[in-house]
Each structure stands twice: as C-alpha cells, then as structure tokens.
Amino acid sequence: MLDEPLDLSEHLPFRIAVVSNLLALNRDLSIRSLSNLEPREMRVLINIGSYMPIKAADIAYQSRIDSSNVSRAVKVLLAKKLIAAEPDPTSKNIKYLTLTKLGVGLYKQITDALDPRAQALESILSAEERQNFYQCLAKIETKAEQLLAQQALSFVNQGLEIPADQKELLRWYKKSHRQAT
C-alpha cells in the first residue's frame, strides 16, 4: 500500500486524457461505421477537408500529430483515393493535399456525424463557459507544449540525442513561440 497515492481525480493531465479517450473518433460507432479508417487517418482527412489545400507539415503542426504518423495516414488516404497530392509550383519537395470527390463525400459524412456529438457536448456549457473553456484549453496546450519543449531542450543541452518526435516538438514550440511574439 502506498502512503500517498496520486489522486487521479485531481490530476489534470489524467482527466484530460480520459476525456480525450472518450472522444476518440473510433469510440463513436456512428463515425467508426462510416469507413475502415484508423482514427489517425480520419483526423488527417478532417484536417485536409477543413484547410485544403494544405501541406502535411502544416497538418502535423496544427494537430500536433508527429509527421511520421501524418505521413502514414497520407499514404493510406492516397491509396484509398480519398486525397490527392499536388506539387507546389515553386518546390518539387512540397505537396499540397486536397480531398478527391470520394474524400469529399467521406469528409461530409464524418463531419455530419461529428456535429451532433459536438452540439450535445457544447449544450452543457453556457456561451460564457464555452468561451472560458476554450481559453483554458489554449492555456493548457501552450503550457504543455512549453513543458515538453523545455524537457527536450534540457536533454539536448546535456548533449543527449533526442528522438525525432521530440525534435519535431521543439520545432513546433519554436514556431508557435515566434508567432506569439
């Protein structure tokens, strides 16, 4: 028996993770029944549909999905002909992602299924509570990113090698920090 166990009911990261797990796209049967895509692929498809044309790097940054996972999702979506990759006219290495006609259809089905859930969740909050909640989420996201970046930077400063996802996290932090100043 532990003398002072962690009180998970009062542990913010744990509570956020629980809600995130409940809201995972593959947990919702109305969404899961629409396609055989994995949640990562659905999130990338939704990002493309919401912001197209968009680069994979921008999807990774906006959603904080590491680029290797975005790349895997893009490969699946391309193979299923749900998206197209158009080269940038100024750089051969950059591709802009868009939905195909088939992808647009699936995007609409998924977003139509997401709307009732979002409305039901938002209905328990007043307009002021919702605004405050989004402000709190933004603060938590910023602080979480800062803590992770500082941790990765401390490893780098000690001369230790960090994994690719941590290098990407540092890039994201520097990018968002530059935009904020």
Protein backbone atom coordinates (compact mmCIF):
# COMPACT_ATOMS: atom_id res chain seq x y z
CA MET A 1 0.00 0.00 0.00
CA LEU A 2 1.28 3.47 -0.88
CA ASP A 3 1.34 6.20 1.74
CA GLU A 4 0.33 8.96 -0.67
CA PRO A 5 -1.06 7.60 -3.95
CA LEU A 6 -1.65 10.03 -6.78
CA ASP A 7 -5.23 11.31 -6.71
CA LEU A 8 -6.14 10.85 -10.35
CA SER A 9 -9.48 12.62 -9.89
CA GLU A 10 -7.49 15.80 -9.18
CA HIS A 11 -4.72 15.20 -11.75
CA LEU A 12 -5.34 17.50 -14.74
CA PRO A 13 -3.35 15.59 -17.39
CA PHE A 14 -5.06 12.33 -16.41
CA ARG A 15 -8.53 13.91 -16.53
CA ILE A 16 -7.85 15.44 -19.95
CA ALA A 17 -6.55 12.07 -21.21
CA VAL A 18 -9.74 10.35 -20.01
CA VAL A 19 -11.92 12.83 -21.91
CA SER A 20 -9.67 12.54 -24.95
CA ASN A 21 -10.01 8.76 -24.84
CA LEU A 22 -13.80 9.05 -24.65
CA LEU A 23 -13.85 11.41 -27.62
CA ALA A 24 -11.57 9.31 -29.82
CA LEU A 25 -13.10 9.00 -33.27
CA ASN A 26 -13.04 5.21 -33.22
CA ARG A 27 -15.03 5.15 -29.95
CA ASP A 28 -18.06 6.68 -31.67
CA LEU A 29 -19.86 3.90 -33.52
CA SER A 30 -21.68 6.34 -35.82
CA ILE A 31 -18.29 7.60 -37.03
CA ARG A 32 -16.47 4.26 -36.99
CA SER A 33 -19.20 2.69 -39.13
CA LEU A 34 -18.60 5.19 -41.93
CA SER A 35 -15.21 3.85 -43.00
CA ASN A 36 -12.46 1.42 -42.18
CA LEU A 37 -10.03 4.26 -41.49
CA GLU A 38 -8.00 4.41 -38.30
CA PRO A 39 -8.52 7.47 -36.04
CA ARG A 40 -5.21 8.97 -37.21
CA GLU A 41 -6.33 8.71 -40.84
CA MET A 42 -9.71 10.25 -40.03
CA ARG A 43 -8.04 13.15 -38.21
CA VAL A 44 -5.77 13.81 -41.19
CA LEU A 45 -8.71 13.54 -43.62
CA ILE A 46 -10.69 16.03 -41.48
CA ASN A 47 -7.71 18.40 -41.40
CA ILE A 48 -7.33 18.23 -45.17
CA GLY A 49 -11.03 18.83 -45.74
CA SER A 50 -11.11 21.72 -43.30
CA TYR A 51 -7.98 23.53 -44.56
CA MET A 52 -7.24 22.33 -48.09
CA PRO A 53 -5.02 22.76 -49.89
CA ILE A 54 -2.67 22.02 -47.02
CA LYS A 55 0.83 20.62 -46.58
CA ALA A 56 1.39 17.51 -44.44
CA ALA A 57 3.79 19.52 -42.25
CA ASP A 58 1.01 22.00 -41.51
CA ILE A 59 -1.35 19.18 -40.54
CA ALA A 60 1.29 17.85 -38.15
CA TYR A 61 1.79 21.27 -36.60
CA GLN A 62 -1.90 22.20 -36.31
CA SER A 63 -2.98 18.86 -34.84
CA ARG A 64 0.28 18.03 -33.02
CA ILE A 65 0.38 14.63 -34.69
CA ASP A 66 4.01 13.76 -35.35
CA SER A 67 4.99 13.92 -39.01
CA SER A 68 5.68 10.19 -39.33
CA ASN A 69 2.09 9.44 -38.30
CA VAL A 70 0.79 12.10 -40.69
CA SER A 71 2.89 10.53 -43.48
CA ARG A 72 1.49 7.07 -42.76
CA ALA A 73 -2.04 8.43 -42.80
CA VAL A 74 -1.42 10.31 -46.05
CA LYS A 75 -0.12 7.11 -47.69
CA VAL A 76 -3.28 5.24 -46.68
CA LEU A 77 -5.56 8.07 -47.80
CA LEU A 78 -3.75 8.31 -51.14
CA ALA A 79 -4.00 4.53 -51.65
CA LYS A 80 -7.74 4.68 -50.91
CA LYS A 81 -8.05 7.58 -53.39
CA LEU A 82 -9.57 9.82 -50.72
CA ILE A 83 -6.96 12.54 -51.22
CA ALA A 84 -4.71 13.88 -53.93
CA ALA A 85 -1.23 15.37 -53.61
CA GLU A 86 -0.47 18.28 -55.90
CA PRO A 87 3.12 19.52 -56.24
CA ASP A 88 3.92 23.08 -55.25
CA PRO A 89 4.78 25.08 -58.39
CA THR A 90 7.86 26.57 -56.69
CA SER A 91 9.22 23.49 -54.89
CA LYS A 92 9.17 19.88 -56.01
CA ASN A 93 9.54 18.63 -52.42
CA ILE A 94 6.34 20.27 -51.21
CA LYS A 95 2.97 18.69 -51.92
CA TYR A 96 -0.41 20.20 -51.21
CA LEU A 97 -3.09 17.78 -50.11
CA THR A 98 -6.72 18.03 -51.19
CA LEU A 99 -9.72 15.78 -50.96
CA THR A 100 -10.83 13.84 -54.03
CA LYS A 101 -14.53 13.56 -54.87
CA LEU A 102 -14.61 10.31 -52.87
CA GLY A 103 -12.79 12.05 -50.00
CA VAL A 104 -15.24 14.97 -50.01
CA GLY A 105 -18.10 12.51 -49.63
CA LEU A 106 -16.48 10.77 -46.67
CA TYR A 107 -15.44 14.10 -45.12
CA LYS A 108 -19.07 15.29 -45.24
CA GLN A 109 -20.30 12.03 -43.71
CA ILE A 110 -17.75 12.23 -40.88
CA THR A 111 -18.34 15.91 -40.14
CA ASP A 112 -22.11 15.36 -40.26
CA ALA A 113 -21.65 12.59 -37.67
CA LEU A 114 -19.34 14.80 -35.55
CA ASP A 115 -21.76 17.72 -35.39
CA PRO A 116 -24.44 16.15 -33.14
CA ARG A 117 -21.77 15.00 -30.68
CA ALA A 118 -20.18 18.44 -30.60
CA GLN A 119 -23.56 20.10 -30.13
CA ALA A 120 -24.52 17.71 -27.33
CA LEU A 121 -21.23 18.33 -25.53
CA GLU A 122 -21.43 22.10 -26.02
CA SER A 123 -25.04 22.15 -24.82
CA ILE A 124 -23.96 21.56 -21.22
CA LEU A 125 -21.98 24.82 -21.23
CA SER A 126 -23.27 28.36 -21.43
CA ALA A 127 -21.74 30.60 -24.09
CA GLU A 128 -19.53 32.19 -21.42
CA GLU A 129 -18.46 28.82 -20.03
CA ARG A 130 -17.63 27.59 -23.53
CA GLN A 131 -15.53 30.70 -24.22
CA ASN A 132 -13.75 30.28 -20.86
CA PHE A 133 -13.24 26.57 -21.52
CA TYR A 134 -11.60 27.24 -24.90
CA GLN A 135 -9.39 29.88 -23.30
CA CYS A 136 -8.38 27.39 -20.60
CA LEU A 137 -7.66 24.72 -23.20
CA ALA A 138 -5.45 27.16 -25.12
CA LYS A 139 -3.51 27.94 -21.93
CA ILE A 140 -3.11 24.25 -21.11
CA GLU A 141 -1.99 23.45 -24.67
CA THR A 142 0.56 26.26 -24.62
CA LYS A 143 1.92 25.25 -21.22
CA ALA A 144 2.05 21.54 -22.11
CA GLU A 145 3.96 22.32 -25.30
CA GLN A 146 6.32 24.59 -23.35
CA LEU A 147 7.00 21.94 -20.68
CA LEU A 148 7.69 19.23 -23.25
CA ALA A 149 9.92 21.54 -25.31
CA GLN A 150 11.89 22.61 -22.24
CA GLN A 151 12.35 18.98 -21.26
CA ALA A 152 13.60 18.08 -24.74
CA LEU A 153 15.86 21.13 -24.78
CA SER A 154 17.37 20.13 -21.43
CA PHE A 155 18.31 16.76 -22.94
CA VAL A 156 19.85 18.49 -25.97
CA ASN A 157 21.77 20.87 -23.71
CA GLN A 158 23.18 17.87 -21.86
CA GLY A 159 24.49 16.57 -25.18
CA LEU A 160 21.95 13.76 -25.31
CA GLU A 161 20.31 12.66 -28.53
CA ILE A 162 16.53 13.05 -28.62
CA PRO A 163 14.10 11.09 -30.81
CA ALA A 164 12.63 12.57 -33.99
CA ASP A 165 9.25 13.28 -32.37
CA GLN A 166 10.98 15.39 -29.70
CA LYS A 167 12.95 17.29 -32.35
CA GLU A 168 9.66 17.98 -34.08
CA LEU A 169 8.14 19.12 -30.80
CA LEU A 170 10.99 21.60 -30.40
CA ARG A 171 10.38 22.90 -33.95
CA TRP A 172 6.67 23.32 -33.19
CA TYR A 173 7.43 25.14 -29.96
CA LYS A 174 9.88 27.48 -31.67
CA LYS A 175 7.38 28.08 -34.48
CA SER A 176 4.48 28.86 -32.15
CA HIS A 177 6.74 30.94 -29.89
CA ARG A 178 7.88 33.02 -32.90
CA GLN A 179 4.25 33.55 -33.98
CA ALA A 180 3.26 34.67 -30.46
CA THR A 181 5.97 37.33 -30.27
